[in-house]
């Protein structure tokens, strides 16, 4: 069961059509959704449905689950095809997140909801306290654009820097508006770095000193 959960389709196709982890991923996605929703419903009793939905979307997003997968060093244990190995598939957010969901699905089949909840409780629920991950699940760039237009602040630019080898790069995005520098943020992809920089800048942009 564990090996199946770790078997990416690229590996299966290169080995005489072995079963892949995609069915377990499908199941794990549903189990994860139920467990997270149950926790949020019981924990945040005064929050409206819309706020609960936002929290759930953030902590079960691809970015969030990839963050968890990296935290447990999942990447090196995934069975990948040669093409994915060459392109460092073990560090791709989508593959990491999907494999983590497959592990939840396998755990549920093997030992039930209680065992799956242990994984979710220990590794997913703590993301509610992780500002960077929670911020990554929202469309902060659009919110920044709206705020910039409202106050007529000027052109938006995300200045990007990258460090590290090609297979394990870290990107730093710095948001500037009308030549004024706002917040910076680091992430494993350019898109996420920009989104987090927008999130960290939004409050200052919405409340400019001369507003």
Protein backbone atom coordinates (compact mmCIF):
# COMPACT_ATOMS: atom_id res chain seq x y z
CA UNK A 1 0.00 0.00 0.00
CA UNK A 2 2.81 2.40 0.87
CA UNK A 3 4.67 1.65 -2.35
CA UNK A 4 1.50 2.21 -4.36
CA UNK A 5 0.97 5.57 -2.63
CA UNK A 6 4.49 6.58 -3.67
CA UNK A 7 4.23 5.41 -7.30
CA UNK A 8 3.87 8.31 -9.71
CA UNK A 9 2.33 7.62 -13.11
CA UNK A 10 5.61 8.42 -14.87
CA UNK A 11 7.27 5.49 -13.07
CA UNK A 12 4.32 3.18 -13.66
CA UNK A 13 4.29 3.84 -17.41
CA UNK A 14 7.97 2.94 -17.66
CA UNK A 15 7.49 -0.32 -15.76
CA UNK A 16 4.95 -2.30 -17.74
CA UNK A 17 1.93 -0.31 -16.66
CA UNK A 18 2.14 -0.75 -12.91
CA UNK A 19 -0.75 0.70 -10.89
CA UNK A 20 -0.28 4.38 -10.03
CA UNK A 21 -1.10 6.37 -6.92
CA UNK A 22 -3.79 8.41 -8.68
CA UNK A 23 -6.77 6.51 -7.22
CA UNK A 24 -5.30 6.83 -3.74
CA UNK A 25 -4.74 10.53 -4.39
CA UNK A 26 -8.41 10.88 -5.36
CA UNK A 27 -9.47 9.16 -2.15
CA UNK A 28 -6.98 11.05 0.01
CA UNK A 29 -8.17 14.38 -1.33
CA UNK A 30 -11.70 13.57 -0.17
CA UNK A 31 -10.60 12.23 3.22
CA UNK A 32 -8.41 15.29 3.79
CA UNK A 33 -11.31 17.57 2.89
CA UNK A 34 -13.66 15.89 5.37
CA UNK A 35 -11.16 15.90 8.23
CA UNK A 36 -10.14 19.54 7.70
CA UNK A 37 -13.75 20.67 7.31
CA UNK A 38 -14.79 18.85 10.48
CA UNK A 39 -11.95 20.46 12.43
CA UNK A 40 -12.68 23.96 11.14
CA UNK A 41 -16.41 23.62 11.79
CA UNK A 42 -15.88 22.56 15.40
CA UNK A 43 -12.99 24.91 16.17
CA UNK A 44 -14.13 28.19 14.63
CA UNK A 45 -17.73 28.19 15.81
CA UNK A 46 -18.32 31.90 15.33
CA UNK A 47 -17.03 32.15 11.77
CA UNK A 48 -19.22 32.33 8.71
CA UNK A 49 -19.17 29.70 5.98
CA UNK A 50 -17.19 31.99 3.70
CA UNK A 51 -14.36 32.37 6.21
CA UNK A 52 -14.24 28.65 6.90
CA UNK A 53 -14.08 28.01 3.17
CA UNK A 54 -11.13 30.40 2.81
CA UNK A 55 -9.23 28.66 5.59
CA UNK A 56 -9.90 25.25 4.10
CA UNK A 57 -8.85 26.35 0.62
CA UNK A 58 -5.57 27.69 1.98
CA UNK A 59 -4.47 24.66 3.99
CA UNK A 60 -5.41 22.05 1.38
CA UNK A 61 -3.93 24.01 -1.54
CA UNK A 62 -1.12 22.57 -3.63
CA UNK A 63 1.29 25.10 -2.09
CA UNK A 64 0.31 24.07 1.44
CA UNK A 65 0.50 20.33 0.87
CA UNK A 66 3.81 20.65 -0.98
CA UNK A 67 5.11 22.59 2.04
CA UNK A 68 4.08 19.69 4.28
CA UNK A 69 5.64 17.15 1.93
CA UNK A 70 8.96 18.99 1.94
CA UNK A 71 8.81 19.14 5.71
CA UNK A 72 8.76 15.34 5.92
CA UNK A 73 11.31 14.97 3.08
CA UNK A 74 8.83 13.09 0.92
CA UNK A 75 10.37 13.92 -2.46
CA UNK A 76 13.30 11.47 -2.46
CA UNK A 77 10.95 8.56 -1.68
CA UNK A 78 8.59 9.02 -4.65
CA UNK A 79 8.98 6.51 -7.49
CA UNK A 80 9.38 8.65 -10.62
CA UNK A 81 10.06 7.99 -14.29
CA UNK A 82 13.35 8.98 -15.86
CA UNK A 83 11.88 12.13 -17.39
CA UNK A 84 10.59 13.39 -14.06
CA UNK A 85 13.86 12.51 -12.37
CA UNK A 86 15.76 14.61 -14.93
CA UNK A 87 13.43 17.57 -14.37
CA UNK A 88 13.55 17.16 -10.56
CA UNK A 89 9.95 15.99 -10.23
CA UNK A 90 10.54 15.14 -6.59
CA UNK A 91 10.63 18.87 -5.86
CA UNK A 92 7.59 19.89 -7.91
CA UNK A 93 4.70 21.24 -5.87
CA UNK A 94 2.07 19.30 -7.82
CA UNK A 95 3.80 15.92 -7.46
CA UNK A 96 4.59 16.47 -3.79
CA UNK A 97 1.02 17.54 -2.96
CA UNK A 98 -0.56 14.69 -4.93
CA UNK A 99 1.69 12.11 -3.29
CA UNK A 100 0.92 13.43 0.16
CA UNK A 101 -2.81 13.08 -0.59
CA UNK A 102 -2.16 9.51 -1.78
CA UNK A 103 -0.49 8.76 1.56
CA UNK A 104 -3.56 10.01 3.37
CA UNK A 105 -5.75 7.84 1.16
CA UNK A 106 -3.58 4.79 1.83
CA UNK A 107 -3.61 5.45 5.57
CA UNK A 108 -7.38 5.73 5.54
CA UNK A 109 -7.78 2.41 3.69
CA UNK A 110 -5.29 0.66 5.95
CA UNK A 111 -6.35 2.01 9.35
CA UNK A 112 -9.39 4.27 8.98
CA UNK A 113 -10.24 7.88 9.71
CA UNK A 114 -8.55 7.96 13.12
CA UNK A 115 -5.17 7.10 11.64
CA UNK A 116 -5.62 9.54 8.77
CA UNK A 117 -6.54 12.22 11.31
CA UNK A 118 -3.19 11.76 13.08
CA UNK A 119 -1.40 12.77 9.86
CA UNK A 120 -3.74 15.68 9.23
CA UNK A 121 -3.59 16.88 12.84
CA UNK A 122 0.20 16.73 13.03
CA UNK A 123 1.09 18.08 9.60
CA UNK A 124 -1.81 19.97 8.01
CA UNK A 125 -3.73 21.68 10.83
CA UNK A 126 -0.59 23.53 12.08
CA UNK A 127 -0.56 25.37 8.75
CA UNK A 128 -3.36 27.53 10.13
CA UNK A 129 -0.62 29.29 12.12
CA UNK A 130 1.73 29.61 9.14
CA UNK A 131 1.16 33.07 7.69
CA UNK A 132 3.13 32.38 4.53
CA UNK A 133 1.17 29.26 3.65
CA UNK A 134 -2.19 30.81 4.51
CA UNK A 135 -1.30 33.81 2.40
CA UNK A 136 -0.32 31.66 -0.56
CA UNK A 137 -3.83 30.31 -0.92
CA UNK A 138 -5.41 33.64 -1.85
CA UNK A 139 -5.33 35.90 -4.90
CA UNK A 140 -3.30 38.65 -3.27
CA UNK A 141 -1.97 40.01 -6.55
CA UNK A 142 -5.47 40.92 -7.69
CA UNK A 143 -6.20 42.57 -4.34
CA UNK A 144 -3.01 44.61 -4.67
CA UNK A 145 -4.00 45.68 -8.18
CA UNK A 146 -7.39 46.85 -6.89
CA UNK A 147 -5.79 48.83 -4.06
CA UNK A 148 -3.20 50.39 -6.38
CA UNK A 149 -5.88 51.45 -8.85
CA UNK A 150 -8.02 52.88 -6.06
CA UNK A 151 -5.24 55.14 -4.80
CA UNK A 152 -3.69 55.73 -8.24
CA UNK A 153 -0.26 54.72 -6.98
CA UNK A 154 1.40 53.90 -10.29
CA UNK A 155 2.88 50.91 -12.08
CA UNK A 156 3.26 47.54 -10.34
CA UNK A 157 6.50 45.60 -10.69
CA UNK A 158 7.73 42.39 -9.06
CA UNK A 159 11.54 42.38 -8.98
CA UNK A 160 12.83 38.82 -8.90
CA UNK A 161 16.06 37.23 -7.66
CA UNK A 162 16.95 33.54 -7.55
CA UNK A 163 19.55 31.57 -5.61
CA UNK A 164 20.50 27.92 -5.51
CA UNK A 165 21.04 25.17 -8.12
CA UNK A 166 18.53 24.66 -10.93
CA UNK A 167 16.87 21.71 -9.20
CA UNK A 168 16.41 23.52 -5.89
CA UNK A 169 16.06 27.25 -6.52
CA UNK A 170 14.65 29.77 -4.08
CA UNK A 171 13.06 32.88 -5.55
CA UNK A 172 12.77 36.25 -3.84
CA UNK A 173 10.19 38.71 -5.15
CA UNK A 174 10.08 42.37 -4.14
CA UNK A 175 6.96 44.36 -4.93
CA UNK A 176 7.38 47.95 -6.10
CA UNK A 177 4.52 50.31 -6.90
CA UNK A 178 5.19 53.61 -8.63
CA UNK A 179 8.89 53.16 -7.85
CA UNK A 180 8.19 52.67 -4.13
CA UNK A 181 9.51 49.43 -2.68
CA UNK A 182 7.17 47.37 -0.51
CA UNK A 183 7.58 43.88 0.93
CA UNK A 184 9.72 40.96 -0.24
CA UNK A 185 9.01 37.25 0.02
CA UNK A 186 10.76 33.95 -0.68
CA UNK A 187 9.26 30.79 -2.22
CA UNK A 188 10.19 27.80 -4.34
CA UNK A 189 8.42 29.21 -7.42
CA UNK A 190 8.31 32.70 -8.93
CA UNK A 191 4.52 32.69 -8.82
CA UNK A 192 4.36 31.94 -5.11
CA UNK A 193 7.07 34.47 -4.28
CA UNK A 194 5.12 37.19 -6.09
CA UNK A 195 1.88 36.20 -4.42
CA UNK A 196 3.42 36.26 -0.94
CA UNK A 197 5.10 39.61 -1.59
CA UNK A 198 1.72 41.00 -2.63
CA UNK A 199 0.12 39.61 0.53
CA UNK A 200 2.76 41.17 2.79
CA UNK A 201 2.44 44.51 1.01
CA UNK A 202 -1.33 44.76 0.83
CA UNK A 203 -1.99 46.50 4.15
CA UNK A 204 0.54 49.26 3.42
CA UNK A 205 -0.83 49.74 -0.09
CA UNK A 206 -4.42 49.90 1.12
CA UNK A 207 -3.47 52.51 3.71
CA UNK A 208 -0.91 54.85 2.09
CA UNK A 209 0.44 57.64 4.33
CA UNK A 210 -1.25 60.37 2.30
CA UNK A 211 -4.61 58.61 1.95
